[in-house]
Amino acid sequence: MPTTADYERMLRDADLRVTRPRVAVLDAVHRLPHADTESIIGAARAELGDLSHQAVYDVLRALTSADLVRRIQPSGAVARYESRVGDNHHHVVCRSCGAIADVDCAVGHAPCLTASDPHGFTVDEAEVVYWGVCPACSTARLPQ
């Protein structure tokens, strides 16, 4: 897990000013993979005390723009944030409880980056979401 000094370096390397809210939000995203905004606000407030919703939204927008965090939003779900950036990974989402896990892209030739007709676009990322039922929810559904 990164330290406060690591977060400060990340912010400086991204040409962002180091502030307590930015460090607290970055820490929350690292500690809470795939967290929604409310969870991040709660974690940042636990660290700093009073912090407005708008301040957290502004920090998340800045961190996302600087590629320090990634925003994902599976269909029908609220936006989530993760610290895993810079690679082309995907997600699996439980239809029952909403749990989210990372799924690495295919090894070798990445078929998910080969569009049948990119219409002149240069494709550099593909977003794939797998849907299913997580192990905990599958076990809960088994007849007794």
N, C-alpha and C. Protein backbone atom coordinates (compact mmCIF):
# COMPACT_ATOMS: atom_id res chain seq x y z
N MET A 1 0.85 -1.18 0.00
CA MET A 1 0.00 0.00 0.00
C MET A 1 0.89 1.24 0.00
N PRO A 2 0.62 2.19 -0.88
CA PRO A 2 1.44 3.42 -0.91
C PRO A 2 1.34 4.20 0.40
N THR A 3 2.37 4.99 0.66
CA THR A 3 2.42 5.85 1.84
C THR A 3 2.01 7.27 1.46
N THR A 4 1.86 8.12 2.46
CA THR A 4 1.56 9.53 2.20
C THR A 4 2.61 10.15 1.30
N ALA A 5 3.87 9.83 1.54
CA ALA A 5 4.95 10.36 0.70
C ALA A 5 4.79 9.89 -0.75
N ASP A 6 4.35 8.64 -0.94
CA ASP A 6 4.11 8.13 -2.30
C ASP A 6 2.99 8.92 -2.98
N TYR A 7 1.90 9.18 -2.25
CA TYR A 7 0.79 9.95 -2.82
C TYR A 7 1.24 11.36 -3.18
N GLU A 8 2.03 11.97 -2.31
CA GLU A 8 2.53 13.32 -2.59
C GLU A 8 3.39 13.33 -3.84
N ARG A 9 4.23 12.31 -4.00
CA ARG A 9 5.07 12.20 -5.21
C ARG A 9 4.22 12.01 -6.45
N MET A 10 3.19 11.15 -6.35
CA MET A 10 2.29 10.93 -7.49
C MET A 10 1.64 12.23 -7.93
N LEU A 11 1.18 13.01 -6.96
CA LEU A 11 0.54 14.28 -7.28
C LEU A 11 1.52 15.23 -7.94
N ARG A 12 2.71 15.35 -7.37
CA ARG A 12 3.72 16.24 -7.97
C ARG A 12 4.10 15.78 -9.37
N ASP A 13 4.29 14.48 -9.55
CA ASP A 13 4.65 13.95 -10.87
C ASP A 13 3.57 14.22 -11.90
N ALA A 14 2.32 14.35 -11.44
CA ALA A 14 1.20 14.64 -12.34
C ALA A 14 0.96 16.15 -12.46
N ASP A 15 1.88 16.95 -11.92
CA ASP A 15 1.77 18.41 -11.93
C ASP A 15 0.52 18.91 -11.21
N LEU A 16 0.15 18.20 -10.14
CA LEU A 16 -0.95 18.63 -9.30
C LEU A 16 -0.39 19.11 -7.97
N ARG A 17 -0.99 20.16 -7.44
CA ARG A 17 -0.58 20.67 -6.15
C ARG A 17 -0.93 19.64 -5.08
N VAL A 18 -0.06 19.45 -4.13
CA VAL A 18 -0.30 18.52 -3.03
C VAL A 18 -1.16 19.21 -1.99
N THR A 19 -2.36 18.66 -1.76
CA THR A 19 -3.25 19.17 -0.73
C THR A 19 -3.71 18.01 0.12
N ARG A 20 -4.14 18.31 1.34
CA ARG A 20 -4.63 17.25 2.23
C ARG A 20 -5.83 16.53 1.63
N PRO A 21 -6.82 17.23 1.04
CA PRO A 21 -7.94 16.50 0.42
C PRO A 21 -7.50 15.58 -0.72
N ARG A 22 -6.57 16.02 -1.55
CA ARG A 22 -6.10 15.16 -2.65
C ARG A 22 -5.41 13.92 -2.11
N VAL A 23 -4.58 14.08 -1.10
CA VAL A 23 -3.90 12.92 -0.51
C VAL A 23 -4.92 11.97 0.12
N ALA A 24 -5.90 12.52 0.84
CA ALA A 24 -6.90 11.68 1.51
C ALA A 24 -7.76 10.92 0.50
N VAL A 25 -8.16 11.58 -0.58
CA VAL A 25 -8.99 10.92 -1.59
C VAL A 25 -8.17 9.87 -2.33
N LEU A 26 -6.94 10.18 -2.68
CA LEU A 26 -6.07 9.22 -3.36
C LEU A 26 -5.85 7.99 -2.48
N ASP A 27 -5.65 8.21 -1.20
CA ASP A 27 -5.49 7.11 -0.25
C ASP A 27 -6.77 6.26 -0.19
N ALA A 28 -7.93 6.92 -0.15
CA ALA A 28 -9.20 6.18 -0.10
C ALA A 28 -9.39 5.31 -1.33
N VAL A 29 -9.06 5.84 -2.49
CA VAL A 29 -9.21 5.06 -3.73
C VAL A 29 -8.28 3.85 -3.71
N HIS A 30 -7.08 4.02 -3.20
CA HIS A 30 -6.14 2.89 -3.11
C HIS A 30 -6.60 1.85 -2.09
N ARG A 31 -7.17 2.30 -0.98
CA ARG A 31 -7.60 1.36 0.06
C ARG A 31 -8.92 0.69 -0.25
N LEU A 32 -9.77 1.33 -1.06
CA LEU A 32 -11.12 0.83 -1.34
C LEU A 32 -11.30 0.61 -2.84
N PRO A 33 -10.79 -0.50 -3.36
CA PRO A 33 -10.91 -0.73 -4.82
C PRO A 33 -12.36 -0.72 -5.27
N HIS A 34 -12.61 -0.05 -6.37
CA HIS A 34 -13.93 0.04 -6.99
C HIS A 34 -14.96 0.71 -6.08
N ALA A 35 -14.52 1.66 -5.27
CA ALA A 35 -15.41 2.34 -4.34
C ALA A 35 -16.26 3.38 -5.06
N ASP A 36 -17.48 3.57 -4.55
CA ASP A 36 -18.32 4.64 -5.08
C ASP A 36 -17.95 5.94 -4.37
N THR A 37 -18.50 7.03 -4.86
CA THR A 37 -18.15 8.34 -4.33
C THR A 37 -18.50 8.48 -2.85
N GLU A 38 -19.64 7.95 -2.45
CA GLU A 38 -20.04 8.07 -1.04
C GLU A 38 -19.04 7.37 -0.12
N SER A 39 -18.54 6.21 -0.54
CA SER A 39 -17.55 5.49 0.27
C SER A 39 -16.24 6.28 0.35
N ILE A 40 -15.87 6.89 -0.75
CA ILE A 40 -14.64 7.69 -0.78
C ILE A 40 -14.80 8.92 0.11
N ILE A 41 -15.97 9.57 0.04
CA ILE A 41 -16.23 10.72 0.90
C ILE A 41 -16.13 10.31 2.37
N GLY A 42 -16.72 9.18 2.74
CA GLY A 42 -16.66 8.70 4.12
C GLY A 42 -15.24 8.44 4.58
N ALA A 43 -14.44 7.81 3.73
CA ALA A 43 -13.04 7.51 4.09
C ALA A 43 -12.22 8.79 4.20
N ALA A 44 -12.42 9.72 3.30
CA ALA A 44 -11.67 10.98 3.34
C ALA A 44 -12.07 11.81 4.56
N ARG A 45 -13.37 11.81 4.88
CA ARG A 45 -13.82 12.54 6.08
C ARG A 45 -13.29 11.90 7.35
N ALA A 46 -13.16 10.58 7.37
CA ALA A 46 -12.59 9.91 8.54
C ALA A 46 -11.15 10.34 8.75
N GLU A 47 -10.47 10.66 7.66
CA GLU A 47 -9.08 11.09 7.73
C GLU A 47 -8.95 12.58 8.07
N LEU A 48 -9.80 13.40 7.45
CA LEU A 48 -9.63 14.85 7.56
C LEU A 48 -10.66 15.56 8.42
N GLY A 49 -11.75 14.90 8.72
CA GLY A 49 -12.84 15.59 9.39
C GLY A 49 -13.79 16.15 8.35
N ASP A 50 -14.13 17.41 8.47
CA ASP A 50 -15.10 18.03 7.57
C ASP A 50 -14.52 18.21 6.17
N LEU A 51 -15.22 17.67 5.20
CA LEU A 51 -14.83 17.78 3.80
C LEU A 51 -16.11 17.73 2.98
N SER A 52 -16.32 18.71 2.12
CA SER A 52 -17.59 18.77 1.39
C SER A 52 -17.64 17.73 0.27
N HIS A 53 -18.86 17.37 -0.09
CA HIS A 53 -19.07 16.48 -1.23
C HIS A 53 -18.42 17.08 -2.47
N GLN A 54 -18.64 18.38 -2.68
CA GLN A 54 -18.11 19.04 -3.88
C GLN A 54 -16.59 18.98 -3.92
N ALA A 55 -15.95 19.13 -2.79
CA ALA A 55 -14.48 19.06 -2.75
C ALA A 55 -14.01 17.68 -3.20
N VAL A 56 -14.68 16.63 -2.74
CA VAL A 56 -14.30 15.27 -3.14
C VAL A 56 -14.56 15.06 -4.63
N TYR A 57 -15.70 15.52 -5.12
CA TYR A 57 -15.99 15.41 -6.55
C TYR A 57 -14.92 16.14 -7.37
N ASP A 58 -14.52 17.33 -6.92
CA ASP A 58 -13.50 18.10 -7.63
C ASP A 58 -12.16 17.37 -7.62
N VAL A 59 -11.80 16.78 -6.47
CA VAL A 59 -10.54 16.03 -6.38
C VAL A 59 -10.59 14.81 -7.29
N LEU A 60 -11.70 14.07 -7.26
CA LEU A 60 -11.81 12.88 -8.12
C LEU A 60 -11.69 13.26 -9.60
N ARG A 61 -12.30 14.38 -9.98
CA ARG A 61 -12.21 14.84 -11.37
C ARG A 61 -10.75 15.16 -11.73
N ALA A 62 -10.04 15.85 -10.83
CA ALA A 62 -8.64 16.19 -11.08
C ALA A 62 -7.76 14.94 -11.15
N LEU A 63 -7.98 14.01 -10.23
CA LEU A 63 -7.18 12.77 -10.22
C LEU A 63 -7.46 11.93 -11.45
N THR A 64 -8.71 11.90 -11.90
CA THR A 64 -9.06 11.15 -13.10
C THR A 64 -8.43 11.80 -14.33
N SER A 65 -8.51 13.12 -14.43
CA SER A 65 -7.91 13.84 -15.56
C SER A 65 -6.41 13.65 -15.62
N ALA A 66 -5.78 13.50 -14.45
CA ALA A 66 -4.33 13.31 -14.38
C ALA A 66 -3.93 11.84 -14.51
N ASP A 67 -4.91 10.96 -14.74
CA ASP A 67 -4.67 9.51 -14.87
C ASP A 67 -4.08 8.89 -13.61
N LEU A 68 -4.41 9.45 -12.45
CA LEU A 68 -3.99 8.84 -11.20
C LEU A 68 -5.03 7.86 -10.69
N VAL A 69 -6.27 8.05 -11.09
CA VAL A 69 -7.34 7.10 -10.80
C VAL A 69 -8.16 6.90 -12.06
N ARG A 70 -8.92 5.83 -12.08
CA ARG A 70 -9.78 5.52 -13.22
C ARG A 70 -11.22 5.48 -12.75
N ARG A 71 -12.08 6.10 -13.53
CA ARG A 71 -13.52 6.11 -13.23
C ARG A 71 -14.18 5.05 -14.11
N ILE A 72 -14.96 4.18 -13.49
CA ILE A 72 -15.71 3.19 -14.24
C ILE A 72 -17.18 3.34 -13.84
N GLN A 73 -18.07 2.98 -14.74
CA GLN A 73 -19.49 3.05 -14.42
C GLN A 73 -20.23 1.95 -15.17
N PRO A 74 -20.31 0.77 -14.55
CA PRO A 74 -21.08 -0.30 -15.17
C PRO A 74 -22.53 0.13 -15.38
N SER A 75 -23.14 -0.37 -16.42
CA SER A 75 -24.52 -0.02 -16.75
C SER A 75 -25.45 -0.19 -15.54
N GLY A 76 -26.21 0.84 -15.26
CA GLY A 76 -27.18 0.78 -14.16
C GLY A 76 -26.57 0.98 -12.78
N ALA A 77 -25.29 1.28 -12.71
CA ALA A 77 -24.62 1.43 -11.42
C ALA A 77 -24.06 2.85 -11.29
N VAL A 78 -23.75 3.24 -10.07
CA VAL A 78 -23.11 4.53 -9.84
C VAL A 78 -21.65 4.43 -10.25
N ALA A 79 -21.03 5.58 -10.47
CA ALA A 79 -19.61 5.61 -10.82
C ALA A 79 -18.78 5.04 -9.69
N ARG A 80 -17.73 4.35 -10.07
CA ARG A 80 -16.77 3.78 -9.12
C ARG A 80 -15.39 4.26 -9.53
N TYR A 81 -14.45 4.21 -8.59
CA TYR A 81 -13.09 4.67 -8.85
C TYR A 81 -12.10 3.60 -8.42
N GLU A 82 -11.02 3.50 -9.18
CA GLU A 82 -9.98 2.53 -8.86
C GLU A 82 -8.62 3.14 -9.11
N SER A 83 -7.62 2.57 -8.46
CA SER A 83 -6.25 3.07 -8.60
C SER A 83 -5.47 2.34 -9.68
N ARG A 84 -6.03 1.28 -10.23
CA ARG A 84 -5.32 0.54 -11.28
C ARG A 84 -5.52 1.27 -12.61
N VAL A 85 -4.49 1.96 -13.04
CA VAL A 85 -4.52 2.75 -14.27
C VAL A 85 -3.36 2.33 -15.17
N GLY A 86 -3.43 2.73 -16.42
CA GLY A 86 -2.30 2.52 -17.32
C GLY A 86 -2.26 1.17 -17.98
N ASP A 87 -3.28 0.35 -17.79
CA ASP A 87 -3.34 -0.92 -18.49
C ASP A 87 -4.75 -1.09 -19.03
N ASN A 88 -4.94 -2.07 -19.85
CA ASN A 88 -6.26 -2.29 -20.44
C ASN A 88 -6.90 -3.50 -19.78
N HIS A 89 -7.34 -3.32 -18.55
CA HIS A 89 -8.04 -4.42 -17.88
C HIS A 89 -9.54 -4.15 -17.89
N HIS A 90 -10.29 -5.16 -17.56
CA HIS A 90 -11.74 -5.09 -17.61
C HIS A 90 -12.31 -5.42 -16.23
N HIS A 91 -13.62 -5.59 -16.14
CA HIS A 91 -14.27 -5.84 -14.86
C HIS A 91 -15.35 -6.89 -14.99
N VAL A 92 -15.58 -7.60 -13.89
CA VAL A 92 -16.70 -8.52 -13.78
C VAL A 92 -17.57 -7.98 -12.64
N VAL A 93 -18.88 -7.94 -12.89
CA VAL A 93 -19.82 -7.34 -11.95
C VAL A 93 -20.88 -8.37 -11.57
N CYS A 94 -21.14 -8.50 -10.28
CA CYS A 94 -22.18 -9.41 -9.80
C CYS A 94 -23.55 -8.76 -9.98
N ARG A 95 -24.43 -9.45 -10.66
CA ARG A 95 -25.79 -8.95 -10.88
C ARG A 95 -26.60 -8.90 -9.58
N SER A 96 -26.20 -9.67 -8.59
CA SER A 96 -26.96 -9.76 -7.35
C SER A 96 -26.53 -8.69 -6.34
N CYS A 97 -25.25 -8.66 -5.97
CA CYS A 97 -24.80 -7.75 -4.92
C CYS A 97 -24.02 -6.54 -5.43
N GLY A 98 -23.62 -6.56 -6.71
CA GLY A 98 -22.89 -5.43 -7.28
C GLY A 98 -21.40 -5.47 -7.07
N ALA A 99 -20.87 -6.56 -6.50
CA ALA A 99 -19.42 -6.68 -6.31
C ALA A 99 -18.72 -6.56 -7.65
N ILE A 100 -17.53 -5.94 -7.65
CA ILE A 100 -16.76 -5.74 -8.87
C ILE A 100 -15.36 -6.27 -8.65
N ALA A 101 -14.83 -6.97 -9.66
CA ALA A 101 -13.45 -7.46 -9.61
C ALA A 101 -12.77 -7.15 -10.94
N ASP A 102 -11.46 -7.02 -10.90
CA ASP A 102 -10.68 -6.80 -12.11
C ASP A 102 -10.53 -8.09 -12.89
N VAL A 103 -10.50 -7.96 -14.21
CA VAL A 103 -10.25 -9.08 -15.11
C VAL A 103 -9.19 -8.61 -16.10
N ASP A 104 -8.06 -9.31 -16.14
CA ASP A 104 -7.01 -8.93 -17.08
C ASP A 104 -7.45 -9.20 -18.50
N CYS A 105 -6.94 -8.41 -19.42
CA CYS A 105 -7.23 -8.58 -20.84
C CYS A 105 -6.56 -9.87 -21.32
N ALA A 106 -6.99 -10.35 -22.46
CA ALA A 106 -6.44 -11.57 -23.02
C ALA A 106 -4.92 -11.45 -23.16
N VAL A 107 -4.22 -12.52 -22.89
CA VAL A 107 -2.77 -12.55 -22.98
C VAL A 107 -2.38 -12.67 -24.45
N GLY A 108 -1.28 -12.04 -24.81
CA GLY A 108 -0.84 -12.08 -26.20
C GLY A 108 -1.62 -11.08 -27.02
N HIS A 109 -2.04 -11.48 -28.20
CA HIS A 109 -2.84 -10.59 -29.05
C HIS A 109 -4.14 -10.29 -28.32
N ALA A 110 -4.42 -9.03 -28.13
CA ALA A 110 -5.61 -8.63 -27.38
C ALA A 110 -6.80 -8.45 -28.33
N PRO A 111 -7.65 -9.48 -28.45
CA PRO A 111 -8.77 -9.38 -29.38
C PRO A 111 -9.74 -8.25 -29.01
N CYS A 112 -9.75 -7.86 -27.77
CA CYS A 112 -10.67 -6.80 -27.36
C CYS A 112 -10.24 -5.44 -27.90
N LEU A 113 -9.02 -5.34 -28.43
CA LEU A 113 -8.57 -4.08 -29.03
C LEU A 113 -8.69 -4.09 -30.54
N THR A 114 -9.17 -5.17 -31.11
CA THR A 114 -9.30 -5.26 -32.55
C THR A 114 -10.76 -5.06 -32.92
N ALA A 115 -11.11 -3.83 -33.26
CA ALA A 115 -12.49 -3.53 -33.65
C ALA A 115 -12.72 -4.00 -35.08
N SER A 116 -13.90 -4.54 -35.34
CA SER A 116 -14.19 -5.02 -36.70
C SER A 116 -14.16 -3.87 -37.70
N ASP A 117 -14.61 -2.69 -37.31
CA ASP A 117 -14.57 -1.50 -38.16
C ASP A 117 -14.43 -0.29 -37.26
N PRO A 118 -13.20 0.21 -37.07
CA PRO A 118 -12.99 1.33 -36.15
C PRO A 118 -13.40 2.69 -36.75
N HIS A 119 -13.92 2.71 -37.97
CA HIS A 119 -14.40 3.94 -38.60
C HIS A 119 -13.35 5.04 -38.60
N GLY A 120 -12.09 4.67 -38.80
CA GLY A 120 -11.00 5.63 -38.87
C GLY A 120 -10.40 6.02 -37.54
N PHE A 121 -10.98 5.54 -36.45
CA PHE A 121 -10.45 5.85 -35.12
C PHE A 121 -9.18 5.05 -34.86
N THR A 122 -8.27 5.60 -34.08
CA THR A 122 -7.14 4.85 -33.56
C THR A 122 -7.56 4.35 -32.18
N VAL A 123 -7.81 3.06 -32.07
CA VAL A 123 -8.30 2.49 -30.81
C VAL A 123 -7.13 2.25 -29.88
N ASP A 124 -7.22 2.80 -28.65
CA ASP A 124 -6.15 2.59 -27.67
C ASP A 124 -6.66 1.97 -26.38
N GLU A 125 -7.97 1.79 -26.28
CA GLU A 125 -8.53 1.18 -25.08
C GLU A 125 -9.89 0.59 -25.43
N ALA A 126 -10.20 -0.52 -24.79
CA ALA A 126 -11.52 -1.12 -24.93
C ALA A 126 -12.09 -1.32 -23.54
N GLU A 127 -13.37 -1.12 -23.39
CA GLU A 127 -14.00 -1.31 -22.09
C GLU A 127 -14.97 -2.48 -22.21
N VAL A 128 -14.65 -3.52 -21.47
CA VAL A 128 -15.48 -4.72 -21.47
C VAL A 128 -15.95 -4.94 -20.04
N VAL A 129 -17.22 -5.22 -19.88
CA VAL A 129 -17.76 -5.54 -18.56
C VAL A 129 -18.41 -6.90 -18.66
N TYR A 130 -17.94 -7.82 -17.84
CA TYR A 130 -18.54 -9.14 -17.75
C TYR A 130 -19.56 -9.12 -16.63
N TRP A 131 -20.72 -9.70 -16.84
CA TRP A 131 -21.77 -9.74 -15.83
C TRP A 131 -22.02 -11.17 -15.42
N GLY A 132 -22.30 -11.38 -14.16
CA GLY A 132 -22.59 -12.72 -13.66
C GLY A 132 -23.00 -12.65 -12.21
N VAL A 133 -22.78 -13.74 -11.49
CA VAL A 133 -23.09 -13.81 -10.07
C VAL A 133 -21.82 -14.22 -9.34
N CYS A 134 -21.46 -13.48 -8.31
CA CYS A 134 -20.22 -13.75 -7.56
C CYS A 134 -20.36 -15.05 -6.76
N PRO A 135 -19.23 -15.61 -6.30
CA PRO A 135 -19.29 -16.87 -5.54
C PRO A 135 -20.16 -16.78 -4.29
N ALA A 136 -20.11 -15.67 -3.56
CA ALA A 136 -20.91 -15.55 -2.33
C ALA A 136 -22.40 -15.58 -2.65
N CYS A 137 -22.80 -14.88 -3.71
CA CYS A 137 -24.23 -14.87 -4.07
C CYS A 137 -24.65 -16.21 -4.68
N SER A 138 -23.74 -16.86 -5.39
CA SER A 138 -24.06 -18.19 -5.95
C SER A 138 -24.30 -19.18 -4.83
N THR A 139 -23.47 -19.13 -3.79
CA THR A 139 -23.62 -20.03 -2.64
C THR A 139 -24.93 -19.74 -1.91
N ALA A 140 -25.28 -18.47 -1.79
CA ALA A 140 -26.50 -18.09 -1.09
C ALA A 140 -27.75 -18.55 -1.84
N ARG A 141 -27.65 -18.75 -3.15
CA ARG A 141 -28.79 -19.17 -3.97
C ARG A 141 -28.99 -20.68 -3.99
N LEU A 142 -28.00 -21.44 -3.53
CA LEU A 142 -28.11 -22.89 -3.57
C LEU A 142 -29.24 -23.36 -2.66
N PRO A 143 -30.02 -24.35 -3.12
CA PRO A 143 -31.10 -24.86 -2.26
C PRO A 143 -30.51 -25.61 -1.07
N GLN A 144 -31.18 -25.51 0.04
CA GLN A 144 -30.69 -26.16 1.28
C GLN A 144 -31.14 -27.58 1.35
